[in-house]
Amino acid sequence: MHELSICQSLLDQVEQLAHQHQAQQVVKIVLHIGPLSGVEAPLLQHAYPLAAAGTVAEHAVLEIHTLPIKVHCKSCGQDSEASANRLLCAHCGDWHTQLISGDEMLLASLELDQKEDT
């Protein structure tokens, strides 16, 4: 299950950001994951509590949004959504397309609880 190592890498990045912003804890983590990213969102959600234990994000909510697969057609020049096993242009039906989204995993946002000045 490579989702555990993905969670650990994600939490390294989250902890660095929390430290930079002097946050006491991370309240919420929002991820955007494409269907072609190779990351299974349910497995990532399941691995998260194990990876987050003892970190500044231990009690954070992990919110995952699935991004659509989008292609750019080299024939008609249009952008359209496609399915994972059929990267065809929705406008002209051509298969000469280029993937423009759907294979990414992005840390979209963090909600932090910052330390109060005393």
N, C-alpha and C. Protein backbone atom coordinates (compact mmCIF):
# COMPACT_ATOMS: atom_id res chain seq x y z
N MET A 1 0.86 -1.18 0.00
CA MET A 1 0.00 0.00 0.00
C MET A 1 0.90 1.23 0.00
N HIS A 2 1.08 1.84 -1.16
CA HIS A 2 1.94 3.01 -1.25
C HIS A 2 1.25 4.27 -0.74
N GLU A 3 -0.04 4.19 -0.44
CA GLU A 3 -0.75 5.35 0.08
C GLU A 3 -0.21 5.79 1.45
N LEU A 4 0.33 4.85 2.23
CA LEU A 4 0.91 5.21 3.53
C LEU A 4 2.14 6.09 3.31
N SER A 5 3.00 5.72 2.38
CA SER A 5 4.19 6.55 2.12
C SER A 5 3.79 7.89 1.50
N ILE A 6 2.72 7.92 0.73
CA ILE A 6 2.21 9.19 0.18
C ILE A 6 1.73 10.07 1.33
N CYS A 7 1.01 9.49 2.28
CA CYS A 7 0.55 10.23 3.46
C CYS A 7 1.73 10.79 4.25
N GLN A 8 2.76 9.99 4.41
CA GLN A 8 3.93 10.45 5.17
C GLN A 8 4.60 11.63 4.46
N SER A 9 4.71 11.56 3.14
CA SER A 9 5.29 12.68 2.39
C SER A 9 4.40 13.92 2.48
N LEU A 10 3.10 13.70 2.37
CA LEU A 10 2.14 14.80 2.49
C LEU A 10 2.27 15.46 3.87
N LEU A 11 2.36 14.66 4.90
CA LEU A 11 2.45 15.20 6.26
C LEU A 11 3.77 15.91 6.51
N ASP A 12 4.84 15.49 5.85
CA ASP A 12 6.11 16.23 5.94
C ASP A 12 5.91 17.65 5.42
N GLN A 13 5.23 17.75 4.28
CA GLN A 13 4.96 19.06 3.68
C GLN A 13 4.02 19.88 4.57
N VAL A 14 2.99 19.25 5.08
CA VAL A 14 2.03 19.92 5.96
C VAL A 14 2.72 20.44 7.22
N GLU A 15 3.58 19.63 7.82
CA GLU A 15 4.28 20.05 9.04
C GLU A 15 5.22 21.22 8.76
N GLN A 16 5.87 21.22 7.62
CA GLN A 16 6.73 22.35 7.26
C GLN A 16 5.91 23.63 7.13
N LEU A 17 4.77 23.54 6.47
CA LEU A 17 3.91 24.71 6.31
C LEU A 17 3.36 25.19 7.66
N ALA A 18 2.96 24.25 8.50
CA ALA A 18 2.46 24.61 9.83
C ALA A 18 3.55 25.31 10.63
N HIS A 19 4.76 24.81 10.55
CA HIS A 19 5.88 25.43 11.27
C HIS A 19 6.16 26.83 10.73
N GLN A 20 6.15 27.00 9.40
CA GLN A 20 6.38 28.31 8.79
C GLN A 20 5.36 29.34 9.25
N HIS A 21 4.13 28.90 9.47
CA HIS A 21 3.05 29.80 9.86
C HIS A 21 2.79 29.78 11.37
N GLN A 22 3.71 29.17 12.12
CA GLN A 22 3.64 29.10 13.57
C GLN A 22 2.29 28.58 14.07
N ALA A 23 1.82 27.51 13.44
CA ALA A 23 0.53 26.92 13.81
C ALA A 23 0.70 25.89 14.91
N GLN A 24 -0.25 25.90 15.84
CA GLN A 24 -0.26 24.90 16.90
C GLN A 24 -0.71 23.56 16.36
N GLN A 25 -1.68 23.61 15.47
CA GLN A 25 -2.19 22.37 14.89
C GLN A 25 -2.82 22.64 13.52
N VAL A 26 -2.95 21.57 12.76
CA VAL A 26 -3.62 21.63 11.48
C VAL A 26 -5.05 21.16 11.70
N VAL A 27 -6.01 21.95 11.27
CA VAL A 27 -7.42 21.64 11.48
C VAL A 27 -7.98 20.85 10.29
N LYS A 28 -7.56 21.23 9.08
CA LYS A 28 -8.12 20.60 7.88
C LYS A 28 -7.10 20.60 6.76
N ILE A 29 -7.07 19.49 6.02
CA ILE A 29 -6.21 19.34 4.85
C ILE A 29 -7.13 19.02 3.67
N VAL A 30 -7.01 19.81 2.59
CA VAL A 30 -7.82 19.57 1.40
C VAL A 30 -6.90 19.15 0.26
N LEU A 31 -7.19 17.97 -0.30
CA LEU A 31 -6.42 17.44 -1.42
C LEU A 31 -7.30 17.37 -2.66
N HIS A 32 -6.68 17.57 -3.83
CA HIS A 32 -7.33 17.34 -5.11
C HIS A 32 -6.59 16.19 -5.77
N ILE A 33 -7.31 15.13 -6.10
CA ILE A 33 -6.69 13.94 -6.68
C ILE A 33 -7.39 13.59 -7.98
N GLY A 34 -6.61 13.38 -9.03
CA GLY A 34 -7.14 12.96 -10.31
C GLY A 34 -7.24 11.44 -10.38
N PRO A 35 -8.20 10.93 -11.15
CA PRO A 35 -8.39 9.47 -11.27
C PRO A 35 -7.19 8.74 -11.88
N LEU A 36 -6.36 9.46 -12.62
CA LEU A 36 -5.20 8.84 -13.25
C LEU A 36 -3.92 9.04 -12.45
N SER A 37 -4.03 9.52 -11.22
CA SER A 37 -2.85 9.81 -10.39
C SER A 37 -2.18 8.55 -9.85
N GLY A 38 -2.90 7.45 -9.83
CA GLY A 38 -2.36 6.23 -9.23
C GLY A 38 -2.58 6.17 -7.74
N VAL A 39 -3.32 7.14 -7.19
CA VAL A 39 -3.60 7.19 -5.76
C VAL A 39 -5.07 6.84 -5.54
N GLU A 40 -5.31 5.88 -4.68
CA GLU A 40 -6.68 5.47 -4.34
C GLU A 40 -7.14 6.28 -3.14
N ALA A 41 -8.10 7.17 -3.35
CA ALA A 41 -8.57 8.05 -2.28
C ALA A 41 -9.05 7.29 -1.03
N PRO A 42 -9.82 6.20 -1.16
CA PRO A 42 -10.24 5.49 0.06
C PRO A 42 -9.06 4.91 0.84
N LEU A 43 -8.04 4.42 0.14
CA LEU A 43 -6.87 3.88 0.82
C LEU A 43 -6.06 4.99 1.48
N LEU A 44 -6.00 6.14 0.82
CA LEU A 44 -5.30 7.30 1.39
C LEU A 44 -6.02 7.75 2.66
N GLN A 45 -7.34 7.79 2.60
CA GLN A 45 -8.16 8.19 3.76
C GLN A 45 -7.95 7.20 4.92
N HIS A 46 -7.81 5.93 4.58
CA HIS A 46 -7.61 4.89 5.59
C HIS A 46 -6.21 4.96 6.21
N ALA A 47 -5.20 5.28 5.39
CA ALA A 47 -3.81 5.34 5.86
C ALA A 47 -3.51 6.62 6.64
N TYR A 48 -4.31 7.65 6.42
CA TYR A 48 -4.03 8.96 7.02
C TYR A 48 -3.90 8.93 8.55
N PRO A 49 -4.83 8.34 9.30
CA PRO A 49 -4.69 8.36 10.77
C PRO A 49 -3.40 7.69 11.26
N LEU A 50 -2.96 6.67 10.56
CA LEU A 50 -1.71 5.99 10.96
C LEU A 50 -0.52 6.92 10.75
N ALA A 51 -0.47 7.59 9.61
CA ALA A 51 0.65 8.47 9.29
C ALA A 51 0.62 9.74 10.13
N ALA A 52 -0.57 10.22 10.47
CA ALA A 52 -0.71 11.50 11.18
C ALA A 52 -0.51 11.39 12.69
N ALA A 53 -0.53 10.19 13.21
CA ALA A 53 -0.39 10.00 14.67
C ALA A 53 0.88 10.66 15.18
N GLY A 54 0.72 11.50 16.20
CA GLY A 54 1.85 12.18 16.81
C GLY A 54 2.35 13.41 16.07
N THR A 55 1.65 13.81 15.02
CA THR A 55 2.05 15.00 14.26
C THR A 55 1.14 16.17 14.59
N VAL A 56 1.48 17.33 14.08
CA VAL A 56 0.67 18.53 14.27
C VAL A 56 -0.68 18.40 13.55
N ALA A 57 -0.79 17.42 12.67
CA ALA A 57 -2.03 17.20 11.91
C ALA A 57 -2.79 15.97 12.39
N GLU A 58 -2.47 15.51 13.58
CA GLU A 58 -3.08 14.28 14.10
C GLU A 58 -4.60 14.33 14.11
N HIS A 59 -5.17 15.47 14.45
CA HIS A 59 -6.63 15.57 14.56
C HIS A 59 -7.27 16.30 13.38
N ALA A 60 -6.49 16.54 12.35
CA ALA A 60 -7.01 17.27 11.19
C ALA A 60 -7.96 16.41 10.37
N VAL A 61 -8.92 17.07 9.78
CA VAL A 61 -9.84 16.42 8.85
C VAL A 61 -9.15 16.38 7.49
N LEU A 62 -9.14 15.21 6.86
CA LEU A 62 -8.59 15.07 5.51
C LEU A 62 -9.75 15.05 4.54
N GLU A 63 -9.83 16.08 3.72
CA GLU A 63 -10.91 16.22 2.74
C GLU A 63 -10.31 16.00 1.34
N ILE A 64 -10.88 15.04 0.61
CA ILE A 64 -10.35 14.70 -0.71
C ILE A 64 -11.40 14.98 -1.77
N HIS A 65 -11.00 15.76 -2.78
CA HIS A 65 -11.86 16.05 -3.92
C HIS A 65 -11.27 15.38 -5.16
N THR A 66 -12.12 14.71 -5.91
CA THR A 66 -11.68 14.07 -7.14
C THR A 66 -11.82 15.05 -8.30
N LEU A 67 -10.72 15.22 -9.03
CA LEU A 67 -10.71 16.11 -10.19
C LEU A 67 -11.15 15.34 -11.43
N PRO A 68 -11.76 16.03 -12.38
CA PRO A 68 -12.13 15.36 -13.62
C PRO A 68 -10.92 15.16 -14.53
N ILE A 69 -11.04 14.21 -15.42
CA ILE A 69 -10.03 14.02 -16.46
C ILE A 69 -10.38 14.97 -17.59
N LYS A 70 -9.42 15.79 -18.00
CA LYS A 70 -9.63 16.73 -19.10
C LYS A 70 -8.55 16.54 -20.15
N VAL A 71 -8.96 16.66 -21.40
CA VAL A 71 -8.03 16.53 -22.52
C VAL A 71 -8.14 17.74 -23.43
N HIS A 72 -7.05 17.99 -24.15
CA HIS A 72 -7.03 19.03 -25.19
C HIS A 72 -6.93 18.30 -26.52
N CYS A 73 -7.84 18.60 -27.42
CA CYS A 73 -7.87 17.95 -28.72
C CYS A 73 -6.89 18.65 -29.68
N LYS A 74 -5.99 17.87 -30.25
CA LYS A 74 -5.01 18.41 -31.20
C LYS A 74 -5.64 18.66 -32.56
N SER A 75 -6.81 18.08 -32.82
CA SER A 75 -7.48 18.27 -34.10
C SER A 75 -8.37 19.51 -34.13
N CYS A 76 -9.29 19.63 -33.14
CA CYS A 76 -10.22 20.75 -33.17
C CYS A 76 -9.84 21.87 -32.20
N GLY A 77 -8.86 21.61 -31.31
CA GLY A 77 -8.39 22.64 -30.39
C GLY A 77 -9.24 22.84 -29.15
N GLN A 78 -10.27 22.05 -28.95
CA GLN A 78 -11.16 22.19 -27.81
C GLN A 78 -10.66 21.40 -26.60
N ASP A 79 -11.02 21.87 -25.42
CA ASP A 79 -10.77 21.14 -24.18
C ASP A 79 -12.08 20.50 -23.74
N SER A 80 -12.00 19.27 -23.24
CA SER A 80 -13.21 18.60 -22.79
C SER A 80 -12.87 17.55 -21.76
N GLU A 81 -13.90 17.11 -21.04
CA GLU A 81 -13.74 16.03 -20.08
C GLU A 81 -13.74 14.70 -20.83
N ALA A 82 -13.04 13.73 -20.26
CA ALA A 82 -12.95 12.40 -20.86
C ALA A 82 -13.02 11.36 -19.75
N SER A 83 -13.14 10.11 -20.14
CA SER A 83 -13.13 9.03 -19.15
C SER A 83 -11.75 8.39 -19.14
N ALA A 84 -11.47 7.67 -18.08
CA ALA A 84 -10.13 7.12 -17.87
C ALA A 84 -9.69 6.17 -19.00
N ASN A 85 -10.59 5.43 -19.53
CA ASN A 85 -10.21 4.46 -20.56
C ASN A 85 -10.52 4.93 -21.98
N ARG A 86 -11.00 6.17 -22.12
CA ARG A 86 -11.31 6.72 -23.45
C ARG A 86 -10.97 8.21 -23.46
N LEU A 87 -9.72 8.52 -23.75
CA LEU A 87 -9.27 9.91 -23.76
C LEU A 87 -9.58 10.55 -25.11
N LEU A 88 -10.87 10.54 -25.45
CA LEU A 88 -11.33 11.09 -26.72
C LEU A 88 -11.88 12.49 -26.53
N CYS A 89 -11.80 13.29 -27.59
CA CYS A 89 -12.39 14.63 -27.58
C CYS A 89 -13.91 14.51 -27.54
N ALA A 90 -14.53 15.20 -26.60
CA ALA A 90 -15.99 15.17 -26.49
C ALA A 90 -16.66 16.00 -27.59
N HIS A 91 -15.90 16.85 -28.27
CA HIS A 91 -16.46 17.71 -29.31
C HIS A 91 -16.45 17.05 -30.69
N CYS A 92 -15.30 16.48 -31.08
CA CYS A 92 -15.21 15.91 -32.43
C CYS A 92 -14.98 14.40 -32.42
N GLY A 93 -14.72 13.82 -31.24
CA GLY A 93 -14.54 12.38 -31.14
C GLY A 93 -13.15 11.88 -31.51
N ASP A 94 -12.23 12.77 -31.83
CA ASP A 94 -10.89 12.37 -32.24
C ASP A 94 -10.09 11.84 -31.05
N TRP A 95 -9.17 10.95 -31.33
CA TRP A 95 -8.32 10.38 -30.29
C TRP A 95 -6.97 11.08 -30.18
N HIS A 96 -6.70 12.06 -31.01
CA HIS A 96 -5.46 12.83 -30.93
C HIS A 96 -5.60 13.90 -29.85
N THR A 97 -5.48 13.47 -28.62
CA THR A 97 -5.68 14.37 -27.49
C THR A 97 -4.45 14.38 -26.59
N GLN A 98 -4.38 15.42 -25.79
CA GLN A 98 -3.32 15.55 -24.79
C GLN A 98 -3.98 15.73 -23.44
N LEU A 99 -3.54 14.96 -22.46
CA LEU A 99 -4.08 15.04 -21.11
C LEU A 99 -3.68 16.38 -20.48
N ILE A 100 -4.67 17.14 -19.98
CA ILE A 100 -4.36 18.41 -19.33
C ILE A 100 -4.67 18.39 -17.83
N SER A 101 -5.49 17.46 -17.37
CA SER A 101 -5.69 17.26 -15.93
C SER A 101 -6.31 15.90 -15.68
N GLY A 102 -6.12 15.44 -14.45
CA GLY A 102 -6.66 14.15 -14.06
C GLY A 102 -5.60 13.20 -13.55
N ASP A 103 -4.32 13.59 -13.68
CA ASP A 103 -3.25 12.72 -13.21
C ASP A 103 -2.48 13.33 -12.04
N GLU A 104 -3.06 14.35 -11.41
CA GLU A 104 -2.35 15.05 -10.35
C GLU A 104 -2.88 14.73 -8.96
N MET A 105 -2.02 15.03 -7.99
CA MET A 105 -2.42 15.03 -6.58
C MET A 105 -1.88 16.33 -6.01
N LEU A 106 -2.78 17.21 -5.62
CA LEU A 106 -2.40 18.55 -5.19
C LEU A 106 -2.86 18.82 -3.76
N LEU A 107 -1.97 19.42 -2.99
CA LEU A 107 -2.37 19.94 -1.68
C LEU A 107 -3.04 21.28 -1.95
N ALA A 108 -4.36 21.29 -1.92
CA ALA A 108 -5.13 22.48 -2.31
C ALA A 108 -5.15 23.54 -1.22
N SER A 109 -5.35 23.12 0.03
CA SER A 109 -5.38 24.10 1.12
C SER A 109 -5.20 23.44 2.47
N LEU A 110 -4.82 24.28 3.41
CA LEU A 110 -4.70 23.87 4.81
C LEU A 110 -5.46 24.87 5.67
N GLU A 111 -6.09 24.37 6.71
CA GLU A 111 -6.67 25.24 7.72
C GLU A 111 -5.84 25.04 8.98
N LEU A 112 -5.23 26.14 9.45
CA LEU A 112 -4.31 26.06 10.58
C LEU A 112 -4.87 26.77 11.80
N ASP A 113 -4.51 26.27 12.96
CA ASP A 113 -4.81 26.93 14.23
C ASP A 113 -3.49 27.55 14.69
N GLN A 114 -3.37 28.87 14.56
CA GLN A 114 -2.11 29.54 14.85
C GLN A 114 -2.01 29.88 16.33
N LYS A 115 -0.75 29.96 16.77
CA LYS A 115 -0.48 30.35 18.16
C LYS A 115 -0.86 31.81 18.35
N GLU A 116 -1.41 32.10 19.50
CA GLU A 116 -1.76 33.47 19.81
C GLU A 116 -0.57 34.14 20.47
N ASP A 117 -0.34 35.42 20.13
CA ASP A 117 0.75 36.18 20.72
C ASP A 117 0.42 36.49 22.19
N THR A 118 1.43 36.38 23.03
CA THR A 118 1.20 36.66 24.46
C THR A 118 2.01 37.86 24.89
